[in-house]
C-alpha cells in the first residue's frame, strides 16, 4: 500500500478515462499540486489541471535539478501515511528527472476533446 498518483485524461464525449502517467510515493509531486491549488493535504485528490499547470511543474523541476538547494522551496517533500521517504536523495531527484522527461518528451493532450486530471489513491 502506498501513495499512487496519476495523470489521467477523460474523453469529453464518451467519459472514457485513460491513465497517461503514474508515480509511486513521489510525495514532492503531490505536495506541489496541494500547494498550487491550496488544497487540504489530508484529502485524497482528484483535480482538474491544465497544460499550463504542467508547464509550471516542469519549470519548477528544471530549477530544482539545476540547483538542488531550491528543493525545499519549490518541491519540498511531504510526510504522510504511505507517502514514502522525505529524504532529498537519489530517488527524489530521479523522480524529478523522470517527470520532466515525460512532460517534455512524451506528454500529449488535446484540450478540445479531453479533460486532464491529477488523481491519487492511498
C-alpha atoms as a PDB file:
ATOM      1  CA  UNK A   1       0.000   0.000   0.000  1.00  0.00           C
ATOM      2  CA  UNK A   2       1.229   3.482  -0.698  1.00  0.00           C
ATOM      3  CA  UNK A   3       0.676   6.756  -2.432  1.00  0.00           C
ATOM      4  CA  UNK A   4      -0.169   6.074  -6.089  1.00  0.00           C
ATOM      5  CA  UNK A   5      -0.595   9.163  -8.263  1.00  0.00           C
ATOM      6  CA  UNK A   6      -1.772   9.571 -11.830  1.00  0.00           C
ATOM      7  CA  UNK A   7      -2.186  11.966 -14.710  1.00  0.00           C
ATOM      8  CA  UNK A   8      -5.341  10.936 -16.468  1.00  0.00           C
ATOM      9  CA  UNK A   9      -7.426  12.128 -19.367  1.00  0.00           C
ATOM     10  CA  UNK A  10     -11.162  11.835 -19.744  1.00  0.00           C
ATOM     11  CA  UNK A  11     -12.807  11.994 -23.150  1.00  0.00           C
ATOM     12  CA  UNK A  12     -15.376  14.819 -23.093  1.00  0.00           C
ATOM     13  CA  UNK A  13     -17.883  12.873 -25.228  1.00  0.00           C
ATOM     14  CA  UNK A  14     -17.521   9.300 -24.014  1.00  0.00           C
ATOM     15  CA  UNK A  15     -16.260   9.803 -20.464  1.00  0.00           C
ATOM     16  CA  UNK A  16     -13.550   7.188 -21.087  1.00  0.00           C
ATOM     17  CA  UNK A  17     -10.652   7.686 -18.671  1.00  0.00           C
ATOM     18  CA  UNK A  18      -7.048   6.845 -19.578  1.00  0.00           C
ATOM     19  CA  UNK A  19      -4.061   6.970 -17.231  1.00  0.00           C
ATOM     20  CA  UNK A  20      -1.223   8.611 -19.153  1.00  0.00           C
ATOM     21  CA  UNK A  21       1.407   8.757 -16.398  1.00  0.00           C
ATOM     22  CA  UNK A  22       1.839   7.443 -12.879  1.00  0.00           C
ATOM     23  CA  UNK A  23       4.061   7.936  -9.871  1.00  0.00           C
ATOM     24  CA  UNK A  24       4.503   5.911  -6.712  1.00  0.00           C
ATOM     25  CA  UNK A  25       5.263   7.687  -3.444  1.00  0.00           C
ATOM     26  CA  UNK A  26       6.568  10.821  -5.198  1.00  0.00           C
ATOM     27  CA  UNK A  27       5.290  12.991  -2.369  1.00  0.00           C
ATOM     28  CA  UNK A  28       7.162  16.064  -3.652  1.00  0.00           C
ATOM     29  CA  UNK A  29       4.989  15.998  -6.801  1.00  0.00           C
ATOM     30  CA  UNK A  30       1.824  15.537  -4.756  1.00  0.00           C
ATOM     31  CA  UNK A  31       2.775  18.403  -2.447  1.00  0.00           C
ATOM     32  CA  UNK A  32       3.354  20.640  -5.468  1.00  0.00           C
ATOM     33  CA  UNK A  33      -0.279  20.120  -6.532  1.00  0.00           C
ATOM     34  CA  UNK A  34      -1.538  20.593  -2.959  1.00  0.00           C
ATOM     35  CA  UNK A  35       0.264  23.926  -2.678  1.00  0.00           C
ATOM     36  CA  UNK A  36      -0.555  25.138  -6.210  1.00  0.00           C
ATOM     37  CA  UNK A  37      -4.282  24.579  -5.726  1.00  0.00           C
ATOM     38  CA  UNK A  38      -4.339  25.405  -1.989  1.00  0.00           C
ATOM     39  CA  UNK A  39      -5.841  22.023  -1.087  1.00  0.00           C
ATOM     40  CA  UNK A  40      -6.151  20.142   2.171  1.00  0.00           C
ATOM     41  CA  UNK A  41      -3.126  17.813   2.307  1.00  0.00           C
ATOM     42  CA  UNK A  42      -5.183  15.263   4.254  1.00  0.00           C
ATOM     43  CA  UNK A  43      -7.661  14.768   1.392  1.00  0.00           C
ATOM     44  CA  UNK A  44      -7.305  12.248  -1.379  1.00  0.00           C
ATOM     45  CA  UNK A  45      -7.122  14.366  -4.532  1.00  0.00           C
ATOM     46  CA  UNK A  46      -8.749  14.429  -7.934  1.00  0.00           C
ATOM     47  CA  UNK A  47      -8.288  17.835  -9.515  1.00  0.00           C
ATOM     48  CA  UNK A  48      -8.767  19.228 -12.990  1.00  0.00           C
ATOM     49  CA  UNK A  49      -5.497  20.630 -14.313  1.00  0.00           C
ATOM     50  CA  UNK A  50      -4.264  22.294 -17.490  1.00  0.00           C
ATOM     51  CA  UNK A  51      -1.204  22.204 -19.673  1.00  0.00           C
ATOM     52  CA  UNK A  52      -0.197  25.492 -18.016  1.00  0.00           C
ATOM     53  CA  UNK A  53      -0.129  23.732 -14.639  1.00  0.00           C
ATOM     54  CA  UNK A  54       2.149  21.041 -16.017  1.00  0.00           C
ATOM     55  CA  UNK A  55       4.373  23.659 -17.658  1.00  0.00           C
ATOM     56  CA  UNK A  56       4.727  25.341 -14.257  1.00  0.00           C
ATOM     57  CA  UNK A  57       5.587  21.988 -12.656  1.00  0.00           C
ATOM     58  CA  UNK A  58       8.175  21.341 -15.365  1.00  0.00           C
ATOM     59  CA  UNK A  59       9.702  24.763 -14.774  1.00  0.00           C
ATOM     60  CA  UNK A  60       9.983  24.157 -11.028  1.00  0.00           C
ATOM     61  CA  UNK A  61      11.539  20.747 -11.674  1.00  0.00           C
ATOM     62  CA  UNK A  62      14.092  22.333 -14.005  1.00  0.00           C
ATOM     63  CA  UNK A  63      15.031  24.893 -11.355  1.00  0.00           C
ATOM     64  CA  UNK A  64      15.479  22.218  -8.678  1.00  0.00           C
ATOM     65  CA  UNK A  65      17.514  19.941 -10.935  1.00  0.00           C
ATOM     66  CA  UNK A  66      19.789  22.863 -11.799  1.00  0.00           C
ATOM     67  CA  UNK A  67      20.125  23.940  -8.156  1.00  0.00           C
ATOM     68  CA  UNK A  68      19.315  21.289  -5.538  1.00  0.00           C
ATOM     69  CA  UNK A  69      19.171  23.954  -2.816  1.00  0.00           C
ATOM     70  CA  UNK A  70      15.841  25.110  -4.300  1.00  0.00           C
ATOM     71  CA  UNK A  71      14.171  21.766  -3.495  1.00  0.00           C
ATOM     72  CA  UNK A  72      12.993  22.926  -0.061  1.00  0.00           C
ATOM     73  CA  UNK A  73      11.331  25.979  -1.590  1.00  0.00           C
ATOM     74  CA  UNK A  74       9.925  24.723  -4.908  1.00  0.00           C
ATOM     75  CA  UNK A  75       9.380  20.980  -4.477  1.00  0.00           C
ATOM     76  CA  UNK A  76       9.566  20.084  -0.786  1.00  0.00           C
ATOM     77  CA  UNK A  77       8.855  16.569   0.358  1.00  0.00           C
ATOM     78  CA  UNK A  78       5.731  15.918   2.389  1.00  0.00           C
ATOM     79  CA  UNK A  79       5.224  13.340   5.093  1.00  0.00           C
ATOM     80  CA  UNK A  80       2.123  11.230   5.244  1.00  0.00           C
ATOM     81  CA  UNK A  81       0.998   7.716   5.968  1.00  0.00           C
ATOM     82  CA  UNK A  82       2.150   5.589   2.999  1.00  0.00           C
ATOM     83  CA  UNK A  83       3.768   8.646   1.322  1.00  0.00           C
ATOM     84  CA  UNK A  84       7.301   7.269   1.240  1.00  0.00           C
ATOM     85  CA  UNK A  85      10.618   8.868   2.029  1.00  0.00           C
ATOM     86  CA  UNK A  86      11.060  12.549   2.811  1.00  0.00           C
ATOM     87  CA  UNK A  87      14.780  12.438   2.048  1.00  0.00           C
ATOM     88  CA  UNK A  88      16.341  14.570  -0.664  1.00  0.00           C
ATOM     89  CA  UNK A  89      18.248  11.634  -2.066  1.00  0.00           C
ATOM     90  CA  UNK A  90      18.856   9.953  -5.390  1.00  0.00           C
ATOM     91  CA  UNK A  91      15.270   8.631  -5.521  1.00  0.00           C
ATOM     92  CA  UNK A  92      13.890  12.165  -5.021  1.00  0.00           C
ATOM     93  CA  UNK A  93      15.909  13.581  -7.932  1.00  0.00           C
ATOM     94  CA  UNK A  94      15.285  10.526 -10.139  1.00  0.00           C
ATOM     95  CA  UNK A  95      11.517  11.097  -9.765  1.00  0.00           C
ATOM     96  CA  UNK A  96      12.024  14.696 -10.846  1.00  0.00           C
ATOM     97  CA  UNK A  97      14.085  13.672 -13.888  1.00  0.00           C
ATOM     98  CA  UNK A  98      11.520  11.022 -14.889  1.00  0.00           C
ATOM     99  CA  UNK A  99       8.662  13.503 -14.525  1.00  0.00           C
ATOM    100  CA  UNK A 100      10.467  16.162 -16.538  1.00  0.00           C
ATOM    101  CA  UNK A 101      11.297  13.680 -19.284  1.00  0.00           C
ATOM    102  CA  UNK A 102       7.680  12.531 -19.536  1.00  0.00           C
ATOM    103  CA  UNK A 103       6.285  16.065 -19.609  1.00  0.00           C
ATOM    104  CA  UNK A 104       8.818  17.293 -22.160  1.00  0.00           C
ATOM    105  CA  UNK A 105       9.026  14.284 -24.480  1.00  0.00           C
ATOM    106  CA  UNK A 106       6.001  12.027 -24.145  1.00  0.00           C
ATOM    107  CA  UNK A 107       3.080  14.046 -22.845  1.00  0.00           C
ATOM    108  CA  UNK A 108       0.237  14.615 -25.303  1.00  0.00           C
ATOM    109  CA  UNK A 109      -3.165  16.022 -24.549  1.00  0.00           C
ATOM    110  CA  UNK A 110      -5.908  17.601 -26.649  1.00  0.00           C
ATOM    111  CA  UNK A 111      -7.935  20.069 -24.566  1.00  0.00           C
ATOM    112  CA  UNK A 112     -10.606  20.229 -27.273  1.00  0.00           C
ATOM    113  CA  UNK A 113     -11.630  16.626 -26.672  1.00  0.00           C
ATOM    114  CA  UNK A 114     -10.172  15.714 -23.270  1.00  0.00           C
ATOM    115  CA  UNK A 115     -10.244  16.825 -19.664  1.00  0.00           C
ATOM    116  CA  UNK A 116      -6.980  16.432 -17.759  1.00  0.00           C
ATOM    117  CA  UNK A 117      -6.770  15.385 -14.109  1.00  0.00           C
ATOM    118  CA  UNK A 118      -4.274  14.733 -11.357  1.00  0.00           C
ATOM    119  CA  UNK A 119      -5.619  11.865  -9.241  1.00  0.00           C
ATOM    120  CA  UNK A 120      -4.322   9.647  -6.478  1.00  0.00           C
ATOM    121  CA  UNK A 121      -5.058   6.642  -4.345  1.00  0.00           C
ATOM    122  CA  UNK A 122      -3.669   5.839  -0.910  1.00  0.00           C
END
